[in-house]
Amino acid sequence: MSKDNAELFLETAKALYFPQRTSAAALHQLKGTMPEPDRQRLAGYLRSPEAPDAKRDDALALLDRMRQDAKQYGIVPVPEVAAR
């Protein structure tokens, strides 16, 4: 991907209202602005396992921190009870 297209994607994503800020929404906004073959390649990359997933990474980091804090303070997790 060219530097110009990367910057265009980032600026487009940043301009979206935060709750609607997704890669899919940014890609949709780029229809007609970014060359279609480039937009399709970017979409394919963003769906691939190699693409970064900041929300997932943040959630995993939070769970790890909660696990560490619970261990430090002697909090033992209670197993979930199956619904009857």
N, C-alpha and C. Protein backbone atom coordinates (compact mmCIF):
# COMPACT_ATOMS: atom_id res chain seq x y z
N MET A 1 0.84 -1.16 0.00
CA MET A 1 0.00 0.00 0.00
C MET A 1 0.89 1.23 0.00
N SER A 2 0.49 2.21 -0.76
CA SER A 2 1.28 3.43 -0.82
C SER A 2 1.11 4.23 0.48
N LYS A 3 2.07 5.07 0.74
CA LYS A 3 2.00 5.92 1.93
C LYS A 3 0.77 6.83 1.85
N ASP A 4 0.48 7.34 0.65
CA ASP A 4 -0.69 8.21 0.49
C ASP A 4 -1.98 7.48 0.82
N ASN A 5 -2.12 6.23 0.36
CA ASN A 5 -3.34 5.46 0.66
C ASN A 5 -3.42 5.12 2.15
N ALA A 6 -2.30 4.83 2.76
CA ALA A 6 -2.29 4.54 4.20
C ALA A 6 -2.74 5.77 4.98
N GLU A 7 -2.22 6.93 4.61
CA GLU A 7 -2.61 8.17 5.28
C GLU A 7 -4.09 8.48 5.04
N LEU A 8 -4.56 8.23 3.82
CA LEU A 8 -5.96 8.46 3.49
C LEU A 8 -6.86 7.57 4.35
N PHE A 9 -6.49 6.31 4.50
CA PHE A 9 -7.28 5.40 5.33
C PHE A 9 -7.30 5.88 6.78
N LEU A 10 -6.14 6.25 7.32
CA LEU A 10 -6.09 6.69 8.72
C LEU A 10 -6.88 7.96 8.95
N GLU A 11 -6.76 8.92 8.05
CA GLU A 11 -7.51 10.17 8.19
C GLU A 11 -9.01 9.92 8.08
N THR A 12 -9.40 9.03 7.19
CA THR A 12 -10.81 8.70 7.04
C THR A 12 -11.34 8.05 8.31
N ALA A 13 -10.58 7.13 8.87
CA ALA A 13 -11.00 6.46 10.10
C ALA A 13 -11.07 7.46 11.26
N LYS A 14 -10.09 8.33 11.37
CA LYS A 14 -10.07 9.31 12.46
C LYS A 14 -11.25 10.27 12.38
N ALA A 15 -11.75 10.53 11.18
CA ALA A 15 -12.85 11.47 10.99
C ALA A 15 -14.20 10.87 11.40
N LEU A 16 -14.26 9.56 11.56
CA LEU A 16 -15.52 8.91 11.94
C LEU A 16 -15.79 9.11 13.42
N TYR A 17 -17.06 9.27 13.77
CA TYR A 17 -17.48 9.35 15.17
C TYR A 17 -17.05 8.06 15.87
N PHE A 18 -16.45 8.18 17.04
CA PHE A 18 -15.79 7.03 17.69
C PHE A 18 -16.63 5.75 17.73
N PRO A 19 -17.89 5.80 18.17
CA PRO A 19 -18.64 4.53 18.22
C PRO A 19 -18.81 3.87 16.85
N GLN A 20 -18.74 4.63 15.78
CA GLN A 20 -18.86 4.06 14.44
C GLN A 20 -17.51 3.82 13.77
N ARG A 21 -16.43 4.06 14.49
CA ARG A 21 -15.09 3.95 13.91
C ARG A 21 -14.65 2.50 13.82
N THR A 22 -14.89 1.91 12.67
CA THR A 22 -14.44 0.54 12.39
C THR A 22 -13.71 0.56 11.06
N SER A 23 -12.92 -0.46 10.83
CA SER A 23 -12.23 -0.53 9.54
C SER A 23 -13.23 -0.66 8.41
N ALA A 24 -14.32 -1.41 8.63
CA ALA A 24 -15.34 -1.57 7.59
C ALA A 24 -15.98 -0.23 7.24
N ALA A 25 -16.27 0.59 8.25
CA ALA A 25 -16.88 1.89 8.00
C ALA A 25 -15.91 2.80 7.25
N ALA A 26 -14.64 2.78 7.62
CA ALA A 26 -13.65 3.60 6.93
C ALA A 26 -13.49 3.15 5.48
N LEU A 27 -13.46 1.85 5.26
CA LEU A 27 -13.35 1.33 3.89
C LEU A 27 -14.56 1.73 3.07
N HIS A 28 -15.73 1.71 3.67
CA HIS A 28 -16.94 2.11 2.96
C HIS A 28 -16.84 3.59 2.55
N GLN A 29 -16.34 4.42 3.45
CA GLN A 29 -16.18 5.84 3.16
C GLN A 29 -15.19 6.08 2.02
N LEU A 30 -14.27 5.17 1.83
CA LEU A 30 -13.22 5.34 0.81
C LEU A 30 -13.66 4.94 -0.59
N LYS A 31 -14.88 4.40 -0.73
CA LYS A 31 -15.37 4.04 -2.07
C LYS A 31 -15.37 5.30 -2.93
N GLY A 32 -14.74 5.19 -4.08
CA GLY A 32 -14.67 6.32 -5.00
C GLY A 32 -13.52 7.27 -4.72
N THR A 33 -12.88 7.13 -3.57
CA THR A 33 -11.75 8.00 -3.22
C THR A 33 -10.43 7.26 -3.39
N MET A 34 -10.37 6.05 -2.87
CA MET A 34 -9.18 5.21 -3.01
C MET A 34 -9.41 4.28 -4.20
N PRO A 35 -8.38 4.05 -5.01
CA PRO A 35 -8.56 3.11 -6.12
C PRO A 35 -9.11 1.77 -5.62
N GLU A 36 -10.11 1.25 -6.31
CA GLU A 36 -10.82 0.04 -5.86
C GLU A 36 -9.90 -1.16 -5.63
N PRO A 37 -8.92 -1.43 -6.51
CA PRO A 37 -8.02 -2.57 -6.23
C PRO A 37 -7.26 -2.40 -4.91
N ASP A 38 -6.83 -1.17 -4.62
CA ASP A 38 -6.13 -0.90 -3.36
C ASP A 38 -7.07 -1.07 -2.17
N ARG A 39 -8.28 -0.56 -2.31
CA ARG A 39 -9.27 -0.67 -1.24
C ARG A 39 -9.60 -2.14 -0.97
N GLN A 40 -9.72 -2.95 -2.00
CA GLN A 40 -10.01 -4.37 -1.84
C GLN A 40 -8.85 -5.11 -1.18
N ARG A 41 -7.61 -4.76 -1.57
CA ARG A 41 -6.44 -5.39 -0.93
C ARG A 41 -6.39 -5.04 0.56
N LEU A 42 -6.66 -3.78 0.87
CA LEU A 42 -6.66 -3.35 2.27
C LEU A 42 -7.76 -4.08 3.04
N ALA A 43 -8.93 -4.21 2.46
CA ALA A 43 -10.03 -4.92 3.11
C ALA A 43 -9.63 -6.37 3.39
N GLY A 44 -8.99 -7.01 2.42
CA GLY A 44 -8.53 -8.38 2.61
C GLY A 44 -7.52 -8.50 3.73
N TYR A 45 -6.59 -7.57 3.79
CA TYR A 45 -5.59 -7.58 4.85
C TYR A 45 -6.25 -7.40 6.22
N LEU A 46 -7.18 -6.45 6.31
CA LEU A 46 -7.82 -6.16 7.59
C LEU A 46 -8.67 -7.33 8.09
N ARG A 47 -9.09 -8.22 7.21
CA ARG A 47 -9.84 -9.41 7.61
C ARG A 47 -8.91 -10.58 7.93
N SER A 48 -7.64 -10.44 7.65
CA SER A 48 -6.70 -11.55 7.82
C SER A 48 -6.23 -11.67 9.27
N PRO A 49 -5.72 -12.84 9.65
CA PRO A 49 -5.21 -13.02 11.01
C PRO A 49 -3.99 -12.15 11.31
N GLU A 50 -3.30 -11.67 10.27
CA GLU A 50 -2.11 -10.85 10.48
C GLU A 50 -2.44 -9.41 10.87
N ALA A 51 -3.68 -9.00 10.65
CA ALA A 51 -4.06 -7.61 10.92
C ALA A 51 -4.10 -7.36 12.43
N PRO A 52 -3.70 -6.17 12.87
CA PRO A 52 -3.77 -5.85 14.29
C PRO A 52 -5.22 -5.76 14.75
N ASP A 53 -5.47 -6.10 16.00
CA ASP A 53 -6.80 -6.01 16.58
C ASP A 53 -6.64 -5.37 17.96
N ALA A 54 -6.60 -4.04 17.98
CA ALA A 54 -6.32 -3.31 19.21
C ALA A 54 -7.38 -3.55 20.28
N LYS A 55 -8.64 -3.62 19.89
CA LYS A 55 -9.69 -3.85 20.88
C LYS A 55 -9.51 -5.21 21.56
N ARG A 56 -9.21 -6.23 20.77
CA ARG A 56 -8.99 -7.56 21.33
C ARG A 56 -7.75 -7.56 22.22
N ASP A 57 -6.68 -6.95 21.75
CA ASP A 57 -5.44 -6.91 22.53
C ASP A 57 -5.65 -6.18 23.85
N ASP A 58 -6.39 -5.06 23.83
CA ASP A 58 -6.68 -4.32 25.06
C ASP A 58 -7.52 -5.16 26.02
N ALA A 59 -8.51 -5.86 25.49
CA ALA A 59 -9.37 -6.70 26.34
C ALA A 59 -8.56 -7.81 26.99
N LEU A 60 -7.67 -8.44 26.22
CA LEU A 60 -6.84 -9.51 26.79
C LEU A 60 -5.89 -8.96 27.86
N ALA A 61 -5.35 -7.76 27.62
CA ALA A 61 -4.46 -7.14 28.61
C ALA A 61 -5.24 -6.83 29.90
N LEU A 62 -6.47 -6.35 29.76
CA LEU A 62 -7.29 -6.06 30.94
C LEU A 62 -7.59 -7.34 31.72
N LEU A 63 -7.95 -8.40 31.03
CA LEU A 63 -8.22 -9.67 31.71
C LEU A 63 -6.98 -10.20 32.43
N ASP A 64 -5.82 -10.06 31.80
CA ASP A 64 -4.57 -10.49 32.43
C ASP A 64 -4.30 -9.67 33.69
N ARG A 65 -4.51 -8.36 33.61
CA ARG A 65 -4.30 -7.50 34.77
C ARG A 65 -5.26 -7.85 35.90
N MET A 66 -6.51 -8.11 35.55
CA MET A 66 -7.49 -8.49 36.57
C MET A 66 -7.09 -9.81 37.23
N ARG A 67 -6.58 -10.74 36.44
CA ARG A 67 -6.12 -12.03 36.97
C ARG A 67 -4.97 -11.81 37.95
N GLN A 68 -4.01 -10.94 37.57
CA GLN A 68 -2.87 -10.65 38.43
C GLN A 68 -3.32 -10.00 39.74
N ASP A 69 -4.22 -9.01 39.62
CA ASP A 69 -4.71 -8.32 40.82
C ASP A 69 -5.47 -9.28 41.73
N ALA A 70 -6.30 -10.12 41.16
CA ALA A 70 -7.05 -11.09 41.96
C ALA A 70 -6.10 -12.01 42.71
N LYS A 71 -5.07 -12.47 42.03
CA LYS A 71 -4.09 -13.35 42.67
C LYS A 71 -3.36 -12.61 43.79
N GLN A 72 -2.98 -11.37 43.54
CA GLN A 72 -2.26 -10.58 44.53
C GLN A 72 -3.09 -10.37 45.80
N TYR A 73 -4.40 -10.18 45.66
CA TYR A 73 -5.26 -9.91 46.80
C TYR A 73 -5.98 -11.15 47.31
N GLY A 74 -5.59 -12.32 46.81
CA GLY A 74 -6.16 -13.56 47.30
C GLY A 74 -7.61 -13.80 46.90
N ILE A 75 -8.02 -13.19 45.83
CA ILE A 75 -9.39 -13.38 45.35
C ILE A 75 -9.42 -14.63 44.48
N VAL A 76 -10.30 -15.53 44.82
CA VAL A 76 -10.41 -16.78 44.07
C VAL A 76 -11.66 -16.70 43.21
N PRO A 77 -11.51 -16.87 41.90
CA PRO A 77 -12.70 -16.81 41.05
C PRO A 77 -13.66 -17.95 41.34
N VAL A 78 -14.93 -17.64 41.29
CA VAL A 78 -15.97 -18.64 41.50
C VAL A 78 -16.37 -19.19 40.14
N PRO A 79 -16.39 -20.52 40.00
CA PRO A 79 -16.79 -21.07 38.70
C PRO A 79 -18.24 -20.72 38.39
N GLU A 80 -18.51 -20.55 37.11
CA GLU A 80 -19.88 -20.24 36.70
C GLU A 80 -20.78 -21.44 36.98
N VAL A 81 -22.01 -21.15 37.33
CA VAL A 81 -23.00 -22.20 37.54
C VAL A 81 -23.78 -22.34 36.25
N ALA A 82 -23.90 -23.56 35.77
CA ALA A 82 -24.62 -23.80 34.52
C ALA A 82 -26.09 -23.46 34.69
N ALA A 83 -26.67 -22.86 33.67
CA ALA A 83 -28.10 -22.54 33.69
C ALA A 83 -28.90 -23.84 33.68
N ARG A 84 -29.96 -23.85 34.44
CA ARG A 84 -30.77 -25.08 34.51
C ARG A 84 -31.93 -24.99 33.60
